[in-house]
């Protein structure tokens, strides 16, 4: 989901959608991109106040691919 990637990038953590919703929504969210903007809320407050959503930090397992060795292919 491209939108979750953008949100993950903004909060600098992996964001998983646990709302159970499958519909698509077109929304405008007003928030401060950094702490120098004082007339708008943080991304966390904006999500809660404007959309009724809450980001919760949880620990859960996820799959990781580890490449421990790599070599150039040999010519045949």
PDB file of N, CA and C in Angstrom:
ATOM      1  N   UNK A   1       0.834  -1.182   0.000  1.00  0.00           N
ATOM      2  CA  UNK A   1       0.000   0.000   0.000  1.00  0.00           C
ATOM      3  C   UNK A   1       0.878   1.245   0.000  1.00  0.00           C
ATOM      4  N   UNK A   2       0.820   2.018  -1.038  1.00  0.00           N
ATOM      5  CA  UNK A   2       1.674   3.193  -1.136  1.00  0.00           C
ATOM      6  C   UNK A   2       1.445   4.207  -0.018  1.00  0.00           C
ATOM      7  N   UNK A   3       0.213   4.408   0.394  1.00  0.00           N
ATOM      8  CA  UNK A   3      -0.081   5.389   1.437  1.00  0.00           C
ATOM      9  C   UNK A   3       0.538   4.986   2.761  1.00  0.00           C
ATOM     10  N   UNK A   4       0.530   3.700   3.076  1.00  0.00           N
ATOM     11  CA  UNK A   4       1.141   3.253   4.322  1.00  0.00           C
ATOM     12  C   UNK A   4       2.648   3.445   4.265  1.00  0.00           C
ATOM     13  N   UNK A   5       3.244   3.305   3.107  1.00  0.00           N
ATOM     14  CA  UNK A   5       4.673   3.561   2.980  1.00  0.00           C
ATOM     15  C   UNK A   5       4.984   5.016   3.274  1.00  0.00           C
ATOM     16  N   UNK A   6       4.144   5.911   2.785  1.00  0.00           N
ATOM     17  CA  UNK A   6       4.341   7.339   3.042  1.00  0.00           C
ATOM     18  C   UNK A   6       4.194   7.638   4.531  1.00  0.00           C
ATOM     19  N   UNK A   7       3.211   7.031   5.174  1.00  0.00           N
ATOM     20  CA  UNK A   7       3.020   7.225   6.608  1.00  0.00           C
ATOM     21  C   UNK A   7       4.174   6.607   7.383  1.00  0.00           C
ATOM     22  N   UNK A   8       4.625   5.444   6.989  1.00  0.00           N
ATOM     23  CA  UNK A   8       5.776   4.806   7.632  1.00  0.00           C
ATOM     24  C   UNK A   8       7.008   5.695   7.528  1.00  0.00           C
ATOM     25  N   UNK A   9       7.210   6.282   6.376  1.00  0.00           N
ATOM     26  CA  UNK A   9       8.342   7.171   6.181  1.00  0.00           C
ATOM     27  C   UNK A   9       8.239   8.387   7.088  1.00  0.00           C
ATOM     28  N   UNK A  10       7.044   8.905   7.231  1.00  0.00           N
ATOM     29  CA  UNK A  10       6.845  10.100   8.047  1.00  0.00           C
ATOM     30  C   UNK A  10       7.104   9.839   9.532  1.00  0.00           C
ATOM     31  N   UNK A  11       6.627   8.718  10.041  1.00  0.00           N
ATOM     32  CA  UNK A  11       6.811   8.424  11.467  1.00  0.00           C
ATOM     33  C   UNK A  11       8.078   7.612  11.720  1.00  0.00           C
ATOM     34  N   UNK A  12       8.776   7.253  10.651  1.00  0.00           N
ATOM     35  CA  UNK A  12      10.040   6.513  10.707  1.00  0.00           C
ATOM     36  C   UNK A  12       9.900   5.176  11.433  1.00  0.00           C
ATOM     37  N   UNK A  13       8.767   4.520  11.205  1.00  0.00           N
ATOM     38  CA  UNK A  13       8.517   3.174  11.721  1.00  0.00           C
ATOM     39  C   UNK A  13       7.599   2.464  10.736  1.00  0.00           C
ATOM     40  N   UNK A  14       7.634   1.145  10.758  1.00  0.00           N
ATOM     41  CA  UNK A  14       6.745   0.364   9.918  1.00  0.00           C
ATOM     42  C   UNK A  14       5.312   0.548  10.413  1.00  0.00           C
ATOM     43  N   UNK A  15       4.386   0.836   9.510  1.00  0.00           N
ATOM     44  CA  UNK A  15       2.981   1.015   9.868  1.00  0.00           C
ATOM     45  C   UNK A  15       2.172  -0.092   9.216  1.00  0.00           C
ATOM     46  N   UNK A  16       1.430  -0.843  10.028  1.00  0.00           N
ATOM     47  CA  UNK A  16       0.535  -1.893   9.546  1.00  0.00           C
ATOM     48  C   UNK A  16      -0.899  -1.432   9.715  1.00  0.00           C
ATOM     49  N   UNK A  17      -1.725  -1.685   8.714  1.00  0.00           N
ATOM     50  CA  UNK A  17      -3.134  -1.322   8.775  1.00  0.00           C
ATOM     51  C   UNK A  17      -3.897  -2.415   9.497  1.00  0.00           C
ATOM     52  N   UNK A  18      -4.424  -2.115  10.659  1.00  0.00           N
ATOM     53  CA  UNK A  18      -5.229  -3.070  11.422  1.00  0.00           C
ATOM     54  C   UNK A  18      -6.675  -2.605  11.556  1.00  0.00           C
ATOM     55  N   UNK A  19      -7.100  -1.710  10.682  1.00  0.00           N
ATOM     56  CA  UNK A  19      -8.463  -1.197  10.765  1.00  0.00           C
ATOM     57  C   UNK A  19      -9.485  -2.226  10.289  1.00  0.00           C
ATOM     58  N   UNK A  20      -9.062  -3.135   9.433  1.00  0.00           N
ATOM     59  CA  UNK A  20     -10.000  -4.095   8.874  1.00  0.00           C
ATOM     60  C   UNK A  20     -10.787  -3.535   7.693  1.00  0.00           C
ATOM     61  N   UNK A  21     -10.565  -2.284   7.361  1.00  0.00           N
ATOM     62  CA  UNK A  21     -11.266  -1.643   6.246  1.00  0.00           C
ATOM     63  C   UNK A  21     -10.609  -2.017   4.930  1.00  0.00           C
ATOM     64  N   UNK A  22     -11.416  -2.263   3.913  1.00  0.00           N
ATOM     65  CA  UNK A  22     -10.880  -2.570   2.589  1.00  0.00           C
ATOM     66  C   UNK A  22     -11.239  -1.481   1.582  1.00  0.00           C
ATOM     67  N   UNK A  23     -12.118  -0.557   1.969  1.00  0.00           N
ATOM     68  CA  UNK A  23     -12.521   0.520   1.069  1.00  0.00           C
ATOM     69  C   UNK A  23     -11.385   1.518   0.903  1.00  0.00           C
ATOM     70  N   UNK A  24     -11.443   2.251  -0.199  1.00  0.00           N
ATOM     71  CA  UNK A  24     -10.490   3.338  -0.424  1.00  0.00           C
ATOM     72  C   UNK A  24     -11.177   4.647  -0.062  1.00  0.00           C
ATOM     73  N   UNK A  25     -10.427   5.541   0.551  1.00  0.00           N
ATOM     74  CA  UNK A  25     -10.951   6.844   0.942  1.00  0.00           C
ATOM     75  C   UNK A  25     -10.046   7.929   0.403  1.00  0.00           C
ATOM     76  N   UNK A  26     -10.645   9.043   0.033  1.00  0.00           N
ATOM     77  CA  UNK A  26      -9.893  10.209  -0.397  1.00  0.00           C
ATOM     78  C   UNK A  26     -10.010  11.230   0.728  1.00  0.00           C
ATOM     79  N   UNK A  27      -8.928  11.445   1.459  1.00  0.00           N
ATOM     80  CA  UNK A  27      -8.961  12.355   2.606  1.00  0.00           C
ATOM     81  C   UNK A  27      -7.842  13.375   2.494  1.00  0.00           C
ATOM     82  N   UNK A  28      -8.042  14.499   3.163  1.00  0.00           N
ATOM     83  CA  UNK A  28      -6.995  15.505   3.284  1.00  0.00           C
ATOM     84  C   UNK A  28      -6.681  15.626   4.764  1.00  0.00           C
ATOM     85  N   UNK A  29      -5.439  15.460   5.100  1.00  0.00           N
ATOM     86  CA  UNK A  29      -4.995  15.500   6.484  1.00  0.00           C
ATOM     87  C   UNK A  29      -4.096  16.717   6.656  1.00  0.00           C
ATOM     88  N   UNK A  30      -4.448  17.571   7.611  1.00  0.00           N
ATOM     89  CA  UNK A  30      -3.636  18.762   7.871  1.00  0.00           C
ATOM     90  C   UNK A  30      -2.813  18.522   9.119  1.00  0.00           C
ATOM     91  N   UNK A  31      -1.481  18.606   8.971  1.00  0.00           N
ATOM     92  CA  UNK A  31      -0.573  18.362  10.083  1.00  0.00           C
ATOM     93  C   UNK A  31       0.723  19.107   9.847  1.00  0.00           C
ATOM     94  N   UNK A  32       1.510  19.229  10.887  1.00  0.00           N
ATOM     95  CA  UNK A  32       2.791  19.921  10.807  1.00  0.00           C
ATOM     96  C   UNK A  32       3.880  18.937  10.399  1.00  0.00           C
ATOM     97  N   UNK A  33       4.583  19.197   9.307  1.00  0.00           N
ATOM     98  CA  UNK A  33       5.627  18.279   8.870  1.00  0.00           C
ATOM     99  C   UNK A  33       6.846  18.258   9.804  1.00  0.00           C
ATOM    100  N   UNK A  34       6.998  19.288  10.626  1.00  0.00           N
ATOM    101  CA  UNK A  34       8.092  19.295  11.606  1.00  0.00           C
ATOM    102  C   UNK A  34       7.706  20.199  12.772  1.00  0.00           C
ATOM    103  N   UNK A  35       8.525  20.231  13.793  1.00  0.00           N
ATOM    104  CA  UNK A  35       8.186  20.961  15.018  1.00  0.00           C
ATOM    105  C   UNK A  35       8.284  22.476  14.869  1.00  0.00           C
ATOM    106  N   UNK A  36       8.787  22.977  13.738  1.00  0.00           N
ATOM    107  CA  UNK A  36       8.869  24.430  13.557  1.00  0.00           C
ATOM    108  C   UNK A  36       7.523  25.034  13.185  1.00  0.00           C
ATOM    109  N   UNK A  37       6.603  24.207  12.699  1.00  0.00           N
ATOM    110  CA  UNK A  37       5.255  24.680  12.355  1.00  0.00           C
ATOM    111  C   UNK A  37       4.387  24.514  13.594  1.00  0.00           C
ATOM    112  N   UNK A  38       3.905  25.623  14.128  1.00  0.00           N
ATOM    113  CA  UNK A  38       3.171  25.551  15.399  1.00  0.00           C
ATOM    114  C   UNK A  38       1.667  25.714  15.258  1.00  0.00           C
ATOM    115  N   UNK A  39       1.184  26.079  14.067  1.00  0.00           N
ATOM    116  CA  UNK A  39      -0.255  26.280  13.913  1.00  0.00           C
ATOM    117  C   UNK A  39      -1.006  25.027  13.477  1.00  0.00           C
ATOM    118  N   UNK A  40      -0.294  23.917  13.328  1.00  0.00           N
ATOM    119  CA  UNK A  40      -0.928  22.653  12.938  1.00  0.00           C
ATOM    120  C   UNK A  40      -0.491  21.554  13.901  1.00  0.00           C
ATOM    121  N   UNK A  41      -1.322  20.507  14.054  1.00  0.00           N
ATOM    122  CA  UNK A  41      -0.980  19.421  14.986  1.00  0.00           C
ATOM    123  C   UNK A  41       0.064  18.470  14.423  1.00  0.00           C
ATOM    124  N   UNK A  42       0.615  17.642  15.287  1.00  0.00           N
ATOM    125  CA  UNK A  42       1.549  16.602  14.847  1.00  0.00           C
ATOM    126  C   UNK A  42       0.790  15.575  14.012  1.00  0.00           C
ATOM    127  N   UNK A  43       1.503  14.724  13.313  1.00  0.00           N
ATOM    128  CA  UNK A  43       0.870  13.678  12.505  1.00  0.00           C
ATOM    129  C   UNK A  43       0.027  12.755  13.371  1.00  0.00           C
ATOM    130  N   UNK A  44       0.487  12.466  14.584  1.00  0.00           N
ATOM    131  CA  UNK A  44      -0.234  11.572  15.487  1.00  0.00           C
ATOM    132  C   UNK A  44      -1.555  12.198  15.932  1.00  0.00           C
ATOM    133  N   UNK A  45      -1.519  13.464  16.317  1.00  0.00           N
ATOM    134  CA  UNK A  45      -2.725  14.171  16.742  1.00  0.00           C
ATOM    135  C   UNK A  45      -3.688  14.349  15.574  1.00  0.00           C
ATOM    136  N   UNK A  46      -3.161  14.692  14.410  1.00  0.00           N
ATOM    137  CA  UNK A  46      -4.002  14.897  13.227  1.00  0.00           C
ATOM    138  C   UNK A  46      -4.738  13.617  12.846  1.00  0.00           C
ATOM    139  N   UNK A  47      -4.050  12.491  12.856  1.00  0.00           N
ATOM    140  CA  UNK A  47      -4.702  11.217  12.529  1.00  0.00           C
ATOM    141  C   UNK A  47      -5.843  10.928  13.491  1.00  0.00           C
ATOM    142  N   UNK A  48      -5.611  11.192  14.763  1.00  0.00           N
ATOM    143  CA  UNK A  48      -6.630  10.910  15.773  1.00  0.00           C
ATOM    144  C   UNK A  48      -7.800  11.885  15.680  1.00  0.00           C
ATOM    145  N   UNK A  49      -7.520  13.177  15.633  1.00  0.00           N
ATOM    146  CA  UNK A  49      -8.581  14.185  15.650  1.00  0.00           C
ATOM    147  C   UNK A  49      -9.341  14.281  14.330  1.00  0.00           C
ATOM    148  N   UNK A  50      -8.648  14.157  13.214  1.00  0.00           N
ATOM    149  CA  UNK A  50      -9.296  14.367  11.924  1.00  0.00           C
ATOM    150  C   UNK A  50      -9.870  13.103  11.299  1.00  0.00           C
ATOM    151  N   UNK A  51      -9.277  11.948  11.614  1.00  0.00           N
ATOM    152  CA  UNK A  51      -9.732  10.702  10.995  1.00  0.00           C
ATOM    153  C   UNK A  51     -10.199   9.661  12.004  1.00  0.00           C
ATOM    154  N   UNK A  52      -9.986   9.912  13.288  1.00  0.00           N
ATOM    155  CA  UNK A  52     -10.385   8.943  14.302  1.00  0.00           C
ATOM    156  C   UNK A  52      -9.483   7.719  14.341  1.00  0.00           C
ATOM    157  N   UNK A  53      -8.261   7.853  13.846  1.00  0.00           N
ATOM    158  CA  UNK A  53      -7.311   6.752  13.826  1.00  0.00           C
ATOM    159  C   UNK A  53      -6.222   6.985  14.867  1.00  0.00           C
ATOM    160  N   UNK A  54      -5.663   5.907  15.379  1.00  0.00           N
ATOM    161  CA  UNK A  54      -4.612   6.026  16.379  1.00  0.00           C
ATOM    162  C   UNK A  54      -3.457   5.111  16.002  1.00  0.00           C
ATOM    163  N   UNK A  55      -2.263   5.659  16.068  1.00  0.00           N
ATOM    164  CA  UNK A  55      -1.069   4.851  15.842  1.00  0.00           C
ATOM    165  C   UNK A  55      -0.619   4.299  17.180  1.00  0.00           C
ATOM    166  N   UNK A  56      -0.462   2.985  17.244  1.00  0.00           N
ATOM    167  CA  UNK A  56       0.010   2.336  18.457  1.00  0.00           C
ATOM    168  C   UNK A  56       1.319   1.629  18.163  1.00  0.00           C
ATOM    169  N   UNK A  57       2.262   1.758  19.066  1.00  0.00           N
ATOM    170  CA  UNK A  57       3.541   1.085  18.916  1.00  0.00           C
ATOM    171  C   UNK A  57       3.445  -0.308  19.542  1.00  0.00           C
ATOM    172  N   UNK A  58       3.679  -1.323  18.723  1.00  0.00           N
ATOM    173  CA  UNK A  58       3.650  -2.704  19.212  1.00  0.00           C
ATOM    174  C   UNK A  58       4.849  -3.442  18.649  1.00  0.00           C
ATOM    175  N   UNK A  59       5.238  -4.489  19.349  1.00  0.00           N
ATOM    176  CA  UNK A  59       6.312  -5.351  18.844  1.00  0.00           C
ATOM    177  C   UNK A  59       5.662  -6.601  18.275  1.00  0.00           C
ATOM    178  N   UNK A  60       6.082  -6.959  17.076  1.00  0.00           N
ATOM    179  CA  UNK A  60       5.578  -8.172  16.468  1.00  0.00           C
ATOM    180  C   UNK A  60       6.623  -8.716  15.500  1.00  0.00           C
ATOM    181  N   UNK A  61       6.603 -10.020  15.284  1.00  0.00           N
ATOM    182  CA  UNK A  61       7.595 -10.600  14.371  1.00  0.00           C
ATOM    183  C   UNK A  61       7.283 -10.240  12.915  1.00  0.00           C
ATOM    184  N   UNK A  62       8.323 -10.175  12.110  1.00  0.00           N
ATOM    185  CA  UNK A  62       8.140  -9.977  10.685  1.00  0.00           C
ATOM    186  C   UNK A  62       9.254 -10.703   9.955  1.00  0.00           C
ATOM    187  N   UNK A  63       9.007 -11.030   8.700  1.00  0.00           N
ATOM    188  CA  UNK A  63       9.966 -11.797   7.917  1.00  0.00           C
ATOM    189  C   UNK A  63      11.115 -10.918   7.438  1.00  0.00           C
ATOM    190  N   UNK A  64      12.309 -11.480   7.487  1.00  0.00           N
ATOM    191  CA  UNK A  64      13.514 -10.784   7.036  1.00  0.00           C
ATOM    192  C   UNK A  64      14.313 -11.731   6.160  1.00  0.00           C
ATOM    193  N   UNK A  65      14.841 -11.225   5.074  1.00  0.00           N
ATOM    194  CA  UNK A  65      15.729 -12.007   4.219  1.00  0.00           C
ATOM    195  C   UNK A  65      17.144 -11.516   4.483  1.00  0.00           C
ATOM    196  N   UNK A  66      18.018 -12.438   4.860  1.00  0.00           N
ATOM    197  CA  UNK A  66      19.410 -12.097   5.147  1.00  0.00           C
ATOM    198  C   UNK A  66      20.295 -12.720   4.080  1.00  0.00           C
ATOM    199  N   UNK A  67      21.093 -11.907   3.432  1.00  0.00           N
ATOM    200  CA  UNK A  67      22.062 -12.397   2.450  1.00  0.00           C
ATOM    201  C   UNK A  67      23.414 -12.341   3.131  1.00  0.00           C
ATOM    202  N   UNK A  68      23.979 -13.507   3.415  1.00  0.00           N
ATOM    203  CA  UNK A  68      25.238 -13.529   4.149  1.00  0.00           C
ATOM    204  C   UNK A  68      26.459 -13.720   3.257  1.00  0.00           C
ATOM    205  N   UNK A  69      26.240 -13.970   1.963  1.00  0.00           N
ATOM    206  CA  UNK A  69      27.381 -14.151   1.065  1.00  0.00           C
ATOM    207  C   UNK A  69      26.911 -13.929  -0.364  1.00  0.00           C
ATOM    208  N   UNK A  70      27.756 -13.301  -1.162  1.00  0.00           N
ATOM    209  CA  UNK A  70      27.428 -13.086  -2.568  1.00  0.00           C
ATOM    210  C   UNK A  70      28.711 -13.170  -3.387  1.00  0.00           C
ATOM    211  N   UNK A  71      28.624 -13.758  -4.572  1.00  0.00           N
ATOM    212  CA  UNK A  71      29.773 -13.844  -5.480  1.00  0.00           C
ATOM    213  C   UNK A  71      29.310 -13.491  -6.872  1.00  0.00           C
ATOM    214  N   UNK A  72      30.251 -12.989  -7.666  1.00  0.00           N
ATOM    215  CA  UNK A  72      29.939 -12.728  -9.066  1.00  0.00           C
ATOM    216  C   UNK A  72      29.792 -14.070  -9.787  1.00  0.00           C
ATOM    217  N   UNK A  73      28.888 -14.147 -10.763  1.00  0.00           N
ATOM    218  CA  UNK A  73      28.755 -15.405 -11.505  1.00  0.00           C
ATOM    219  C   UNK A  73      30.010 -15.676 -12.343  1.00  0.00           C
ATOM    220  N   UNK A  74      30.328 -16.932 -12.507  1.00  0.00           N
ATOM    221  CA  UNK A  74      31.481 -17.318 -13.325  1.00  0.00           C
ATOM    222  C   UNK A  74      31.044 -17.478 -14.767  1.00  0.00           C
ATOM    223  N   UNK A  75      31.946 -17.208 -15.700  1.00  0.00           N
ATOM    224  CA  UNK A  75      31.612 -17.385 -17.119  1.00  0.00           C
ATOM    225  C   UNK A  75      31.661 -18.852 -17.442  1.00  0.00           C
ATOM    226  N   UNK A  76      30.711 -19.305 -18.227  1.00  0.00           N
ATOM    227  CA  UNK A  76      30.664 -20.711 -18.640  1.00  0.00           C
ATOM    228  C   UNK A  76      31.473 -20.957 -19.881  1.00  0.00           C
TER     229      UNK A  76
END
